[in-house]
Amino acid sequence: MKEITYQIENTFLSPFAVKSEQTRGRAREETPCPMRTDFQRDRDRIIHSKAFRRLKNKTQVFLSPEGDHFRTRLSHTLDVSQIARSIARSLRLNEDLTEAISLGHDLGHTPFGHSGERVLNRLSGGAFSHAEQSVRVVDKLEKNGAGLNLTFEVRDGILHHQKSGTPATLEGKAVSFADRIAYLNHDIDDAIRAGIIKRSDLPASTFKVLGESSSARINSMIWAIYRVSEGKPIVEMEQEVLCAMDELRDFMFRSVYITPASMAEEEKANRMLEAMFNYFRAAPEKLPPFFYEIAKEEGETRAICDYLSSMSDRYAEYVFSSLFIPKSWSL
C-alpha cells in the first residue's frame, strides 16, 4: 500500500513538493511501516500523544471563556490543519507532511495562551519560545523521555511555523501561512461572540479585498496564495491581500489582544505562573519525578519551563491551588 502512495505522489505532486520516500529521515533509525509513509506515521504519533490531548484545555486567546463555542488551542490546531491542507492541495504539495506539521505546531504551547509564553520567556531569561518547546516535546518529553522520533521535515516545520521562521519545505511555509490565517479569523469570530467588538468595527477597507465573513476572508487568503505560488518553488501571498491581512491583525492588537480587560486577566495568569516558577526554583525536589530528573540533568529553569508549559489551564489552576491555597479541615 505504501508503494501505491509513493506512485501517486510521484505522478501528481508538484516537482517542488517533498515526496514521502525522499524524507531526510529520523534521528534514530526504525523499521519502516509496510502500510504508512513516514509522514503518515508522524501524523498518527502526534495525534496519539499526551501533549496533543492536552491542547483541548489550553487557552487560545480568551482565558476561561463562558460558553462552549470559543476556540481552544486544540480547535485552533484543527483549523490550521484544514487551512494548510487546502493550501497544500491547491499547490499539489504533500498533504500528509503538511498535516503532520500542522497538528504538531503548538504542542509546546503554554497554558493561558501567549501570556503564559511571555511570562516563561521572561522568567527563563529569554530562553523560552513555544515553537522551540514544541520540538522539545516531540524530541524529549513525550513517551517518558523517549520522544516521538519524528522526521526531519516535520520537526523543521514545527520549529519554523511562525512568521519569522524559515521552513526548509514549502509544506512548512504553507503551515506558517495557515497558522496566521486561522488565528486571525477565528479570533475575530470569538471577539465578536464575546461582545468585545462588533462586525461593523472591522476596518471597512479590508471588506473589498477579503470579504466580510470569516469563510470569505479565508477563501480570499488561500486564493491569493494559489495565484502567486502555483507552479513555482514558493508559497507566498498577493501583496494587496497580505496588506489587508496585516491591517486586520493590527486592528485586533489594538482592539482585542492588548486592552485593559484582556491585560487584567493576563496579569492574573502571570502571577499564577510566576508564583509556581519561583516555588519550584526554590524547591526543585518538589517537581514530579520525571521533571526533577530533567532538573538534575539540564538545570532547574529548563525543567520548570518543561513542567509549567506542559500544563493545561485547568491543571495549572489545580497545582497553584494545591500549593498556595489552604484546604479547609474536616472536623
C-alpha atoms as a PDB file:
ATOM      1  CA  MET A   1       0.000   0.000   0.000  1.00  0.00           C
ATOM      2  CA  LYS A   2       2.821   2.430   0.834  1.00  0.00           C
ATOM      3  CA  GLU A   3       4.317   1.894  -2.625  1.00  0.00           C
ATOM      4  CA  ILE A   4       0.996   2.953  -4.167  1.00  0.00           C
ATOM      5  CA  THR A   5       1.181   6.195  -2.188  1.00  0.00           C
ATOM      6  CA  TYR A   6       4.702   6.735  -3.498  1.00  0.00           C
ATOM      7  CA  GLN A   7       3.496   6.216  -7.064  1.00  0.00           C
ATOM      8  CA  ILE A   8       0.598   8.640  -6.611  1.00  0.00           C
ATOM      9  CA  GLU A   9       2.912  11.286  -5.154  1.00  0.00           C
ATOM     10  CA  ASN A  10       5.451  10.914  -7.955  1.00  0.00           C
ATOM     11  CA  THR A  11       2.673  11.208 -10.542  1.00  0.00           C
ATOM     12  CA  PHE A  12       0.543  14.026  -9.165  1.00  0.00           C
ATOM     13  CA  LEU A  13       2.539  16.140  -6.720  1.00  0.00           C
ATOM     14  CA  SER A  14       4.348  19.297  -7.732  1.00  0.00           C
ATOM     15  CA  PRO A  15       8.052  18.907  -8.533  1.00  0.00           C
ATOM     16  CA  PHE A  16       8.612  21.292  -5.626  1.00  0.00           C
ATOM     17  CA  ALA A  17       6.724  19.122  -3.101  1.00  0.00           C
ATOM     18  CA  VAL A  18       8.510  16.825  -0.654  1.00  0.00           C
ATOM     19  CA  LYS A  19       7.906  13.211  -1.700  1.00  0.00           C
ATOM     20  CA  SER A  20       7.423  10.831   1.204  1.00  0.00           C
ATOM     21  CA  GLU A  21      10.088   8.401   0.023  1.00  0.00           C
ATOM     22  CA  GLN A  22      12.606  11.262  -0.144  1.00  0.00           C
ATOM     23  CA  THR A  23      12.383  12.192   3.557  1.00  0.00           C
ATOM     24  CA  ARG A  24      15.650  13.048   5.244  1.00  0.00           C
ATOM     25  CA  GLY A  25      14.657  10.550   7.913  1.00  0.00           C
ATOM     26  CA  ARG A  26      14.691  10.321  11.677  1.00  0.00           C
ATOM     27  CA  ALA A  27      17.376  10.836  14.305  1.00  0.00           C
ATOM     28  CA  ARG A  28      17.011   7.163  15.237  1.00  0.00           C
ATOM     29  CA  GLU A  29      16.561   4.514  12.566  1.00  0.00           C
ATOM     30  CA  GLU A  30      13.346   2.480  12.741  1.00  0.00           C
ATOM     31  CA  THR A  31      11.835  -0.467  10.936  1.00  0.00           C
ATOM     32  CA  PRO A  32       9.632   1.029   8.194  1.00  0.00           C
ATOM     33  CA  CYS A  33       5.878   0.533   8.319  1.00  0.00           C
ATOM     34  CA  PRO A  34       4.638  -1.566   5.361  1.00  0.00           C
ATOM     35  CA  MET A  35       1.424   0.470   5.030  1.00  0.00           C
ATOM     36  CA  ARG A  36       2.104   4.053   6.097  1.00  0.00           C
ATOM     37  CA  THR A  37       4.660   6.557   4.854  1.00  0.00           C
ATOM     38  CA  ASP A  38       6.922   8.197   7.412  1.00  0.00           C
ATOM     39  CA  PHE A  39       4.883  11.402   7.319  1.00  0.00           C
ATOM     40  CA  GLN A  40       1.672   9.448   7.912  1.00  0.00           C
ATOM     41  CA  ARG A  41       3.302   7.740  10.889  1.00  0.00           C
ATOM     42  CA  ASP A  42       4.364  11.125  12.263  1.00  0.00           C
ATOM     43  CA  ARG A  43       0.808  12.420  11.990  1.00  0.00           C
ATOM     44  CA  ASP A  44      -0.503   9.388  13.888  1.00  0.00           C
ATOM     45  CA  ARG A  45       2.142   9.684  16.600  1.00  0.00           C
ATOM     46  CA  ILE A  46       1.251  13.325  17.181  1.00  0.00           C
ATOM     47  CA  ILE A  47      -2.491  12.644  17.357  1.00  0.00           C
ATOM     48  CA  HIS A  48      -1.956   9.880  19.927  1.00  0.00           C
ATOM     49  CA  SER A  49       0.448  11.925  22.075  1.00  0.00           C
ATOM     50  CA  LYS A  50      -0.438  13.235  25.518  1.00  0.00           C
ATOM     51  CA  ALA A  51       0.607  16.744  24.518  1.00  0.00           C
ATOM     52  CA  PHE A  52      -1.943  16.757  21.697  1.00  0.00           C
ATOM     53  CA  ARG A  53      -4.762  15.729  24.037  1.00  0.00           C
ATOM     54  CA  ARG A  54      -3.861  18.492  26.477  1.00  0.00           C
ATOM     55  CA  LEU A  55      -4.471  21.128  23.806  1.00  0.00           C
ATOM     56  CA  LYS A  56      -8.219  20.842  24.368  1.00  0.00           C
ATOM     57  CA  ASN A  57      -7.825  22.569  27.756  1.00  0.00           C
ATOM     58  CA  LYS A  58      -5.318  25.242  26.752  1.00  0.00           C
ATOM     59  CA  THR A  59      -6.342  28.830  26.048  1.00  0.00           C
ATOM     60  CA  GLN A  60      -6.249  30.201  22.529  1.00  0.00           C
ATOM     61  CA  VAL A  61      -6.991  33.886  23.279  1.00  0.00           C
ATOM     62  CA  PHE A  62      -9.770  34.217  25.849  1.00  0.00           C
ATOM     63  CA  LEU A  63      -8.958  32.991  29.353  1.00  0.00           C
ATOM     64  CA  SER A  64     -11.710  30.825  30.878  1.00  0.00           C
ATOM     65  CA  PRO A  65     -14.460  31.957  28.486  1.00  0.00           C
ATOM     66  CA  GLU A  66     -18.093  31.333  29.383  1.00  0.00           C
ATOM     67  CA  GLY A  67     -19.614  29.361  26.532  1.00  0.00           C
ATOM     68  CA  ASP A  68     -18.934  26.230  24.529  1.00  0.00           C
ATOM     69  CA  HIS A  69     -18.027  27.769  21.190  1.00  0.00           C
ATOM     70  CA  PHE A  70     -14.841  29.711  21.907  1.00  0.00           C
ATOM     71  CA  ARG A  71     -11.672  28.313  20.370  1.00  0.00           C
ATOM     72  CA  THR A  72      -9.130  26.386  22.358  1.00  0.00           C
ATOM     73  CA  ARG A  73      -5.589  25.535  21.366  1.00  0.00           C
ATOM     74  CA  LEU A  74      -6.901  22.211  20.023  1.00  0.00           C
ATOM     75  CA  SER A  75      -9.635  23.699  17.835  1.00  0.00           C
ATOM     76  CA  HIS A  76      -7.093  26.248  16.587  1.00  0.00           C
ATOM     77  CA  THR A  77      -4.774  23.375  15.649  1.00  0.00           C
ATOM     78  CA  LEU A  78      -7.549  21.660  13.708  1.00  0.00           C
ATOM     79  CA  ASP A  79      -8.357  24.943  11.937  1.00  0.00           C
ATOM     80  CA  VAL A  80      -4.698  25.294  10.947  1.00  0.00           C
ATOM     81  CA  SER A  81      -4.615  21.725   9.673  1.00  0.00           C
ATOM     82  CA  GLN A  82      -7.692  22.220   7.493  1.00  0.00           C
ATOM     83  CA  ILE A  83      -6.450  25.504   6.007  1.00  0.00           C
ATOM     84  CA  ALA A  84      -2.917  24.187   5.480  1.00  0.00           C
ATOM     85  CA  ARG A  85      -4.241  21.124   3.694  1.00  0.00           C
ATOM     86  CA  SER A  86      -6.335  23.347   1.424  1.00  0.00           C
ATOM     87  CA  ILE A  87      -3.234  25.351   0.530  1.00  0.00           C
ATOM     88  CA  ALA A  88      -1.182  22.195   0.009  1.00  0.00           C
ATOM     89  CA  ARG A  89      -3.842  20.588  -2.175  1.00  0.00           C
ATOM     90  CA  SER A  90      -4.169  23.654  -4.368  1.00  0.00           C
ATOM     91  CA  LEU A  91      -0.389  23.773  -4.894  1.00  0.00           C
ATOM     92  CA  ARG A  92      -0.048  19.977  -5.158  1.00  0.00           C
ATOM     93  CA  LEU A  93       2.199  19.780  -2.105  1.00  0.00           C
ATOM     94  CA  ASN A  94       2.450  16.809   0.259  1.00  0.00           C
ATOM     95  CA  GLU A  95      -0.737  16.903   2.354  1.00  0.00           C
ATOM     96  CA  ASP A  96       0.450  14.234   4.804  1.00  0.00           C
ATOM     97  CA  LEU A  97       3.558  16.234   5.661  1.00  0.00           C
ATOM     98  CA  THR A  98       1.521  19.439   5.857  1.00  0.00           C
ATOM     99  CA  GLU A  99      -0.995  17.845   8.189  1.00  0.00           C
ATOM    100  CA  ALA A 100       1.661  16.393  10.493  1.00  0.00           C
ATOM    101  CA  ILE A 101       3.357  19.786  10.868  1.00  0.00           C
ATOM    102  CA  SER A 102       0.003  21.475  11.496  1.00  0.00           C
ATOM    103  CA  LEU A 103      -1.062  19.029  14.189  1.00  0.00           C
ATOM    104  CA  GLY A 104       2.272  19.343  15.996  1.00  0.00           C
ATOM    105  CA  HIS A 105       2.965  23.042  15.668  1.00  0.00           C
ATOM    106  CA  ASP A 106       1.564  24.085  19.073  1.00  0.00           C
ATOM    107  CA  LEU A 107       2.313  21.008  21.210  1.00  0.00           C
ATOM    108  CA  GLY A 108       4.691  23.031  23.381  1.00  0.00           C
ATOM    109  CA  HIS A 109       2.375  25.965  23.931  1.00  0.00           C
ATOM    110  CA  THR A 110       1.894  27.165  27.480  1.00  0.00           C
ATOM    111  CA  PRO A 111      -1.324  27.385  29.461  1.00  0.00           C
ATOM    112  CA  PHE A 112      -3.059  30.781  29.279  1.00  0.00           C
ATOM    113  CA  GLY A 113      -2.095  31.413  25.655  1.00  0.00           C
ATOM    114  CA  HIS A 114       0.651  33.805  24.630  1.00  0.00           C
ATOM    115  CA  SER A 115       0.561  35.464  28.048  1.00  0.00           C
ATOM    116  CA  GLY A 116       1.903  32.218  29.501  1.00  0.00           C
ATOM    117  CA  GLU A 117       4.607  32.125  26.849  1.00  0.00           C
ATOM    118  CA  ARG A 118       5.653  35.692  27.644  1.00  0.00           C
ATOM    119  CA  VAL A 119       5.964  35.072  31.365  1.00  0.00           C
ATOM    120  CA  LEU A 120       8.029  31.880  30.935  1.00  0.00           C
ATOM    121  CA  ASN A 121      10.269  33.652  28.451  1.00  0.00           C
ATOM    122  CA  ARG A 122      10.821  36.456  30.946  1.00  0.00           C
ATOM    123  CA  LEU A 123      11.446  34.175  33.913  1.00  0.00           C
ATOM    124  CA  SER A 124      13.829  31.973  31.940  1.00  0.00           C
ATOM    125  CA  GLY A 125      15.906  34.935  30.792  1.00  0.00           C
ATOM    126  CA  GLY A 126      14.653  34.841  27.219  1.00  0.00           C
ATOM    127  CA  ALA A 127      15.172  31.104  26.767  1.00  0.00           C
ATOM    128  CA  PHE A 128      11.585  30.030  26.065  1.00  0.00           C
ATOM    129  CA  SER A 129       9.525  30.044  22.879  1.00  0.00           C
ATOM    130  CA  HIS A 130       6.559  27.817  22.149  1.00  0.00           C
ATOM    131  CA  ALA A 131       7.942  26.789  18.739  1.00  0.00           C
ATOM    132  CA  GLU A 132      11.193  25.524  20.233  1.00  0.00           C
ATOM    133  CA  GLN A 133       9.261  23.944  23.097  1.00  0.00           C
ATOM    134  CA  SER A 134       7.027  22.103  20.620  1.00  0.00           C
ATOM    135  CA  VAL A 135      10.125  20.483  19.113  1.00  0.00           C
ATOM    136  CA  ARG A 136      11.381  19.656  22.590  1.00  0.00           C
ATOM    137  CA  VAL A 137       8.060  17.956  23.340  1.00  0.00           C
ATOM    138  CA  VAL A 138       8.336  15.652  20.334  1.00  0.00           C
ATOM    139  CA  ASP A 139      12.087  15.084  20.807  1.00  0.00           C
ATOM    140  CA  LYS A 140      12.370  14.684  24.560  1.00  0.00           C
ATOM    141  CA  LEU A 141       9.267  14.991  26.704  1.00  0.00           C
ATOM    142  CA  GLU A 142       6.790  12.592  25.101  1.00  0.00           C
ATOM    143  CA  LYS A 143       6.821   8.872  25.930  1.00  0.00           C
ATOM    144  CA  ASN A 144       8.621   9.401  29.247  1.00  0.00           C
ATOM    145  CA  GLY A 145      11.736  10.874  27.698  1.00  0.00           C
ATOM    146  CA  ALA A 146      11.938   8.743  24.557  1.00  0.00           C
ATOM    147  CA  GLY A 147      10.248  11.315  22.332  1.00  0.00           C
ATOM    148  CA  LEU A 148       8.310  10.626  19.148  1.00  0.00           C
ATOM    149  CA  ASN A 149      11.369  10.421  16.857  1.00  0.00           C
ATOM    150  CA  LEU A 150       9.707  12.411  14.074  1.00  0.00           C
ATOM    151  CA  THR A 151      11.159  13.027  10.637  1.00  0.00           C
ATOM    152  CA  PHE A 152      13.385  15.989   9.904  1.00  0.00           C
ATOM    153  CA  GLU A 153      10.742  17.672   7.712  1.00  0.00           C
ATOM    154  CA  VAL A 154       8.020  17.572  10.369  1.00  0.00           C
ATOM    155  CA  ARG A 155      10.355  18.786  13.124  1.00  0.00           C
ATOM    156  CA  ASP A 156      11.632  21.587  10.892  1.00  0.00           C
ATOM    157  CA  GLY A 157       8.098  22.701  10.031  1.00  0.00           C
ATOM    158  CA  ILE A 158       7.103  22.771  13.694  1.00  0.00           C
ATOM    159  CA  LEU A 159      10.185  24.779  14.649  1.00  0.00           C
ATOM    160  CA  HIS A 160       9.717  27.346  11.871  1.00  0.00           C
ATOM    161  CA  HIS A 161       5.926  27.709  11.800  1.00  0.00           C
ATOM    162  CA  GLN A 162       5.931  31.320  12.989  1.00  0.00           C
ATOM    163  CA  LYS A 163       6.027  34.303  10.628  1.00  0.00           C
ATOM    164  CA  SER A 164       9.702  34.887  11.400  1.00  0.00           C
ATOM    165  CA  GLY A 165      10.608  31.269  10.664  1.00  0.00           C
ATOM    166  CA  THR A 166      12.355  29.925   7.577  1.00  0.00           C
ATOM    167  CA  PRO A 167      10.973  26.425   6.902  1.00  0.00           C
ATOM    168  CA  ALA A 168      13.058  24.100   4.752  1.00  0.00           C
ATOM    169  CA  THR A 169       9.976  22.890   2.861  1.00  0.00           C
ATOM    170  CA  LEU A 170       7.082  24.516   1.047  1.00  0.00           C
ATOM    171  CA  GLU A 171       4.790  22.401   3.215  1.00  0.00           C
ATOM    172  CA  GLY A 172       6.230  24.131   6.274  1.00  0.00           C
ATOM    173  CA  LYS A 173       5.659  27.508   4.645  1.00  0.00           C
ATOM    174  CA  ALA A 174       2.031  26.556   3.950  1.00  0.00           C
ATOM    175  CA  VAL A 175       1.547  25.796   7.652  1.00  0.00           C
ATOM    176  CA  SER A 176       3.088  29.137   8.615  1.00  0.00           C
ATOM    177  CA  PHE A 177       0.546  30.984   6.468  1.00  0.00           C
ATOM    178  CA  ALA A 178      -2.283  28.727   7.652  1.00  0.00           C
ATOM    179  CA  ASP A 179      -1.461  29.476  11.296  1.00  0.00           C
ATOM    180  CA  ARG A 180      -1.784  33.219  10.715  1.00  0.00           C
ATOM    181  CA  ILE A 181      -4.920  32.859   8.596  1.00  0.00           C
ATOM    182  CA  ALA A 182      -6.559  30.623  11.196  1.00  0.00           C
ATOM    183  CA  TYR A 183      -5.853  32.609  14.342  1.00  0.00           C
ATOM    184  CA  LEU A 184      -6.723  35.950  12.793  1.00  0.00           C
ATOM    185  CA  ASN A 185     -10.105  34.826  11.502  1.00  0.00           C
ATOM    186  CA  HIS A 186     -11.221  32.724  14.446  1.00  0.00           C
ATOM    187  CA  ASP A 187     -10.044  35.371  16.904  1.00  0.00           C
ATOM    188  CA  ILE A 188     -12.290  37.867  15.102  1.00  0.00           C
ATOM    189  CA  ASP A 189     -15.214  35.454  15.431  1.00  0.00           C
ATOM    190  CA  ASP A 190     -14.535  34.872  19.131  1.00  0.00           C
ATOM    191  CA  ALA A 191     -14.123  38.582  19.848  1.00  0.00           C
ATOM    192  CA  ILE A 192     -17.474  39.334  18.190  1.00  0.00           C
ATOM    193  CA  ARG A 193     -19.102  36.457  20.091  1.00  0.00           C
ATOM    194  CA  ALA A 194     -17.659  37.816  23.352  1.00  0.00           C
ATOM    195  CA  GLY A 195     -19.058  41.300  22.638  1.00  0.00           C
ATOM    196  CA  ILE A 196     -15.598  42.887  22.618  1.00  0.00           C
ATOM    197  CA  ILE A 197     -16.013  44.165  19.064  1.00  0.00           C
ATOM    198  CA  LYS A 198     -18.820  44.346  16.517  1.00  0.00           C
ATOM    199  CA  ARG A 199     -18.572  43.224  12.931  1.00  0.00           C
ATOM    200  CA  SER A 200     -19.036  46.850  11.890  1.00  0.00           C
ATOM    201  CA  ASP A 201     -15.884  47.769  13.853  1.00  0.00           C
ATOM    202  CA  LEU A 202     -13.655  45.852  11.449  1.00  0.00           C
ATOM    203  CA  PRO A 203     -11.672  48.055   9.040  1.00  0.00           C
ATOM    204  CA  ALA A 204     -14.011  48.740   6.111  1.00  0.00           C
ATOM    205  CA  SER A 205     -11.058  48.939   3.749  1.00  0.00           C
ATOM    206  CA  THR A 206     -10.473  45.198   4.174  1.00  0.00           C
ATOM    207  CA  PHE A 207     -14.005  44.180   3.129  1.00  0.00           C
ATOM    208  CA  LYS A 208     -13.485  44.856  -0.566  1.00  0.00           C
ATOM    209  CA  VAL A 209     -10.244  42.858  -0.641  1.00  0.00           C
ATOM    210  CA  LEU A 210     -11.109  39.978   1.692  1.00  0.00           C
ATOM    211  CA  GLY A 211     -14.877  39.888   2.104  1.00  0.00           C
ATOM    212  CA  GLU A 212     -16.956  40.398   5.221  1.00  0.00           C
ATOM    213  CA  SER A 213     -17.440  36.858   6.587  1.00  0.00           C
ATOM    214  CA  SER A 214     -14.837  34.546   8.067  1.00  0.00           C
ATOM    215  CA  SER A 215     -15.257  31.997   5.300  1.00  0.00           C
ATOM    216  CA  ALA A 216     -14.930  34.683   2.626  1.00  0.00           C
ATOM    217  CA  ARG A 217     -11.740  36.031   4.199  1.00  0.00           C
ATOM    218  CA  ILE A 218     -10.174  32.578   4.486  1.00  0.00           C
ATOM    219  CA  ASN A 219     -11.112  31.766   0.907  1.00  0.00           C
ATOM    220  CA  SER A 220      -9.632  35.064  -0.314  1.00  0.00           C
ATOM    221  CA  MET A 221      -6.368  34.433   1.505  1.00  0.00           C
ATOM    222  CA  ILE A 222      -5.990  30.887   0.177  1.00  0.00           C
ATOM    223  CA  TRP A 223      -6.743  32.023  -3.374  1.00  0.00           C
ATOM    224  CA  ALA A 224      -4.181  34.818  -3.002  1.00  0.00           C
ATOM    225  CA  ILE A 225      -1.550  32.229  -2.121  1.00  0.00           C
ATOM    226  CA  TYR A 226      -2.545  29.987  -5.031  1.00  0.00           C
ATOM    227  CA  ARG A 227      -2.461  32.748  -7.641  1.00  0.00           C
ATOM    228  CA  VAL A 228       1.079  33.778  -6.704  1.00  0.00           C
ATOM    229  CA  SER A 229       2.571  30.364  -5.958  1.00  0.00           C
ATOM    230  CA  GLU A 230       1.098  27.788  -8.364  1.00  0.00           C
ATOM    231  CA  GLY A 231       3.834  26.197 -10.453  1.00  0.00           C
ATOM    232  CA  LYS A 232       6.628  27.989  -8.583  1.00  0.00           C
ATOM    233  CA  PRO A 233       9.008  26.929  -5.785  1.00  0.00           C
ATOM    234  CA  ILE A 234       7.395  29.415  -3.374  1.00  0.00           C
ATOM    235  CA  VAL A 235       4.449  29.786  -1.027  1.00  0.00           C
ATOM    236  CA  GLU A 236       3.645  33.487  -0.921  1.00  0.00           C
ATOM    237  CA  MET A 237       0.558  35.723  -0.817  1.00  0.00           C
ATOM    238  CA  GLU A 238      -0.506  38.544  -3.141  1.00  0.00           C
ATOM    239  CA  GLN A 239       0.611  41.871  -1.722  1.00  0.00           C
ATOM    240  CA  GLU A 240      -2.831  43.506  -1.671  1.00  0.00           C
ATOM    241  CA  VAL A 241      -4.322  40.626   0.312  1.00  0.00           C
ATOM    242  CA  LEU A 242      -1.290  40.441   2.608  1.00  0.00           C
ATOM    243  CA  CYS A 243      -1.630  44.150   3.386  1.00  0.00           C
ATOM    244  CA  ALA A 244      -5.338  43.718   4.191  1.00  0.00           C
ATOM    245  CA  MET A 245      -4.482  40.754   6.409  1.00  0.00           C
ATOM    246  CA  ASP A 246      -1.873  42.825   8.267  1.00  0.00           C
ATOM    247  CA  GLU A 247      -4.391  45.669   8.654  1.00  0.00           C
ATOM    248  CA  LEU A 248      -6.827  43.270  10.324  1.00  0.00           C
ATOM    249  CA  ARG A 249      -4.048  41.953  12.554  1.00  0.00           C
ATOM    250  CA  ASP A 250      -3.119  45.483  13.666  1.00  0.00           C
ATOM    251  CA  PHE A 251      -6.792  46.171  14.397  1.00  0.00           C
ATOM    252  CA  MET A 252      -7.013  43.022  16.564  1.00  0.00           C
ATOM    253  CA  PHE A 253      -3.981  44.038  18.600  1.00  0.00           C
ATOM    254  CA  ARG A 254      -5.448  47.473  19.280  1.00  0.00           C
ATOM    255  CA  SER A 255      -8.996  46.325  19.940  1.00  0.00           C
ATOM    256  CA  VAL A 256      -8.735  42.810  21.387  1.00  0.00           C
ATOM    257  CA  TYR A 257      -5.301  41.473  22.242  1.00  0.00           C
ATOM    258  CA  ILE A 258      -3.994  44.490  24.163  1.00  0.00           C
ATOM    259  CA  THR A 259      -6.887  46.069  26.036  1.00  0.00           C
ATOM    260  CA  PRO A 260      -7.347  46.873  29.739  1.00  0.00           C
ATOM    261  CA  ALA A 261      -9.753  43.949  30.165  1.00  0.00           C
ATOM    262  CA  SER A 262      -7.529  41.370  28.474  1.00  0.00           C
ATOM    263  CA  MET A 263      -4.399  42.634  30.214  1.00  0.00           C
ATOM    264  CA  ALA A 264      -6.101  42.411  33.610  1.00  0.00           C
ATOM    265  CA  GLU A 265      -6.857  38.716  33.042  1.00  0.00           C
ATOM    266  CA  GLU A 266      -3.370  38.161  31.679  1.00  0.00           C
ATOM    267  CA  GLU A 267      -1.865  39.630  34.835  1.00  0.00           C
ATOM    268  CA  LYS A 268      -3.739  37.068  36.946  1.00  0.00           C
ATOM    269  CA  ALA A 269      -2.343  34.233  34.832  1.00  0.00           C
ATOM    270  CA  ASN A 270       1.123  35.727  35.011  1.00  0.00           C
ATOM    271  CA  ARG A 271       1.036  35.859  38.802  1.00  0.00           C
ATOM    272  CA  MET A 272      -0.004  32.213  38.962  1.00  0.00           C
ATOM    273  CA  LEU A 273       2.806  31.024  36.696  1.00  0.00           C
ATOM    274  CA  GLU A 274       5.404  33.248  38.328  1.00  0.00           C
ATOM    275  CA  ALA A 275       4.447  32.013  41.804  1.00  0.00           C
ATOM    276  CA  MET A 276       4.762  28.379  40.716  1.00  0.00           C
ATOM    277  CA  PHE A 277       8.023  29.070  38.870  1.00  0.00           C
ATOM    278  CA  ASN A 278       9.589  30.626  41.971  1.00  0.00           C
ATOM    279  CA  TYR A 279       8.239  27.866  44.214  1.00  0.00           C
ATOM    280  CA  PHE A 280       9.843  25.082  42.177  1.00  0.00           C
ATOM    281  CA  ARG A 281      13.050  27.036  41.658  1.00  0.00           C
ATOM    282  CA  ALA A 282      13.414  27.235  45.453  1.00  0.00           C
ATOM    283  CA  ALA A 283      12.461  23.573  45.887  1.00  0.00           C
ATOM    284  CA  PRO A 284      13.134  21.617  42.646  1.00  0.00           C
ATOM    285  CA  GLU A 285      12.771  18.343  44.527  1.00  0.00           C
ATOM    286  CA  LYS A 286       9.038  19.117  44.698  1.00  0.00           C
ATOM    287  CA  LEU A 287       8.786  18.726  40.936  1.00  0.00           C
ATOM    288  CA  PRO A 288       7.254  15.478  39.653  1.00  0.00           C
ATOM    289  CA  PRO A 289       9.985  12.786  39.380  1.00  0.00           C
ATOM    290  CA  PHE A 290      10.261  12.982  35.575  1.00  0.00           C
ATOM    291  CA  PHE A 291      10.855  16.738  35.642  1.00  0.00           C
ATOM    292  CA  TYR A 292      13.127  16.519  38.702  1.00  0.00           C
ATOM    293  CA  GLU A 293      15.409  14.237  36.701  1.00  0.00           C
ATOM    294  CA  ILE A 294      15.493  16.860  33.957  1.00  0.00           C
ATOM    295  CA  ALA A 295      16.395  19.459  36.587  1.00  0.00           C
ATOM    296  CA  LYS A 296      19.378  17.376  37.669  1.00  0.00           C
ATOM    297  CA  GLU A 297      20.494  16.822  34.074  1.00  0.00           C
ATOM    298  CA  GLU A 298      19.717  20.146  32.383  1.00  0.00           C
ATOM    299  CA  GLY A 299      19.093  22.633  35.176  1.00  0.00           C
ATOM    300  CA  GLU A 300      16.153  23.816  37.222  1.00  0.00           C
ATOM    301  CA  THR A 301      14.985  26.531  34.821  1.00  0.00           C
ATOM    302  CA  ARG A 302      14.755  24.081  31.924  1.00  0.00           C
ATOM    303  CA  ALA A 303      12.795  21.559  34.000  1.00  0.00           C
ATOM    304  CA  ILE A 304      10.382  24.139  35.421  1.00  0.00           C
ATOM    305  CA  CYS A 305       9.649  25.531  31.956  1.00  0.00           C
ATOM    306  CA  ASP A 306       9.041  21.982  30.713  1.00  0.00           C
ATOM    307  CA  TYR A 307       6.640  21.287  33.563  1.00  0.00           C
ATOM    308  CA  LEU A 308       4.710  24.551  33.526  1.00  0.00           C
ATOM    309  CA  SER A 309       4.386  24.706  29.734  1.00  0.00           C
ATOM    310  CA  SER A 310       3.036  21.153  29.690  1.00  0.00           C
ATOM    311  CA  MET A 311       0.107  22.116  31.923  1.00  0.00           C
ATOM    312  CA  SER A 312      -3.387  22.780  30.667  1.00  0.00           C
ATOM    313  CA  ASP A 313      -5.089  25.878  32.056  1.00  0.00           C
ATOM    314  CA  ARG A 314      -7.193  23.719  34.325  1.00  0.00           C
ATOM    315  CA  TYR A 315      -4.242  21.737  35.664  1.00  0.00           C
ATOM    316  CA  ALA A 316      -2.212  24.915  36.248  1.00  0.00           C
ATOM    317  CA  GLU A 317      -5.062  26.255  38.368  1.00  0.00           C
ATOM    318  CA  TYR A 318      -5.198  22.948  40.284  1.00  0.00           C
ATOM    319  CA  VAL A 319      -1.456  22.920  41.004  1.00  0.00           C
ATOM    320  CA  PHE A 320      -1.487  26.575  42.025  1.00  0.00           C
ATOM    321  CA  SER A 321      -4.393  25.898  44.380  1.00  0.00           C
ATOM    322  CA  SER A 322      -2.712  22.862  45.919  1.00  0.00           C
ATOM    323  CA  LEU A 323       0.499  24.826  46.528  1.00  0.00           C
ATOM    324  CA  PHE A 324      -0.835  28.162  47.773  1.00  0.00           C
ATOM    325  CA  ILE A 325      -4.462  27.942  48.861  1.00  0.00           C
ATOM    326  CA  PRO A 326      -5.156  26.357  52.275  1.00  0.00           C
ATOM    327  CA  LYS A 327      -7.626  23.498  52.351  1.00  0.00           C
ATOM    328  CA  SER A 328     -10.490  23.517  54.841  1.00  0.00           C
ATOM    329  CA  TRP A 329     -10.352  20.939  57.637  1.00  0.00           C
ATOM    330  CA  SER A 330     -12.985  18.295  58.168  1.00  0.00           C
ATOM    331  CA  LEU A 331     -13.890  18.274  61.841  1.00  0.00           C
END
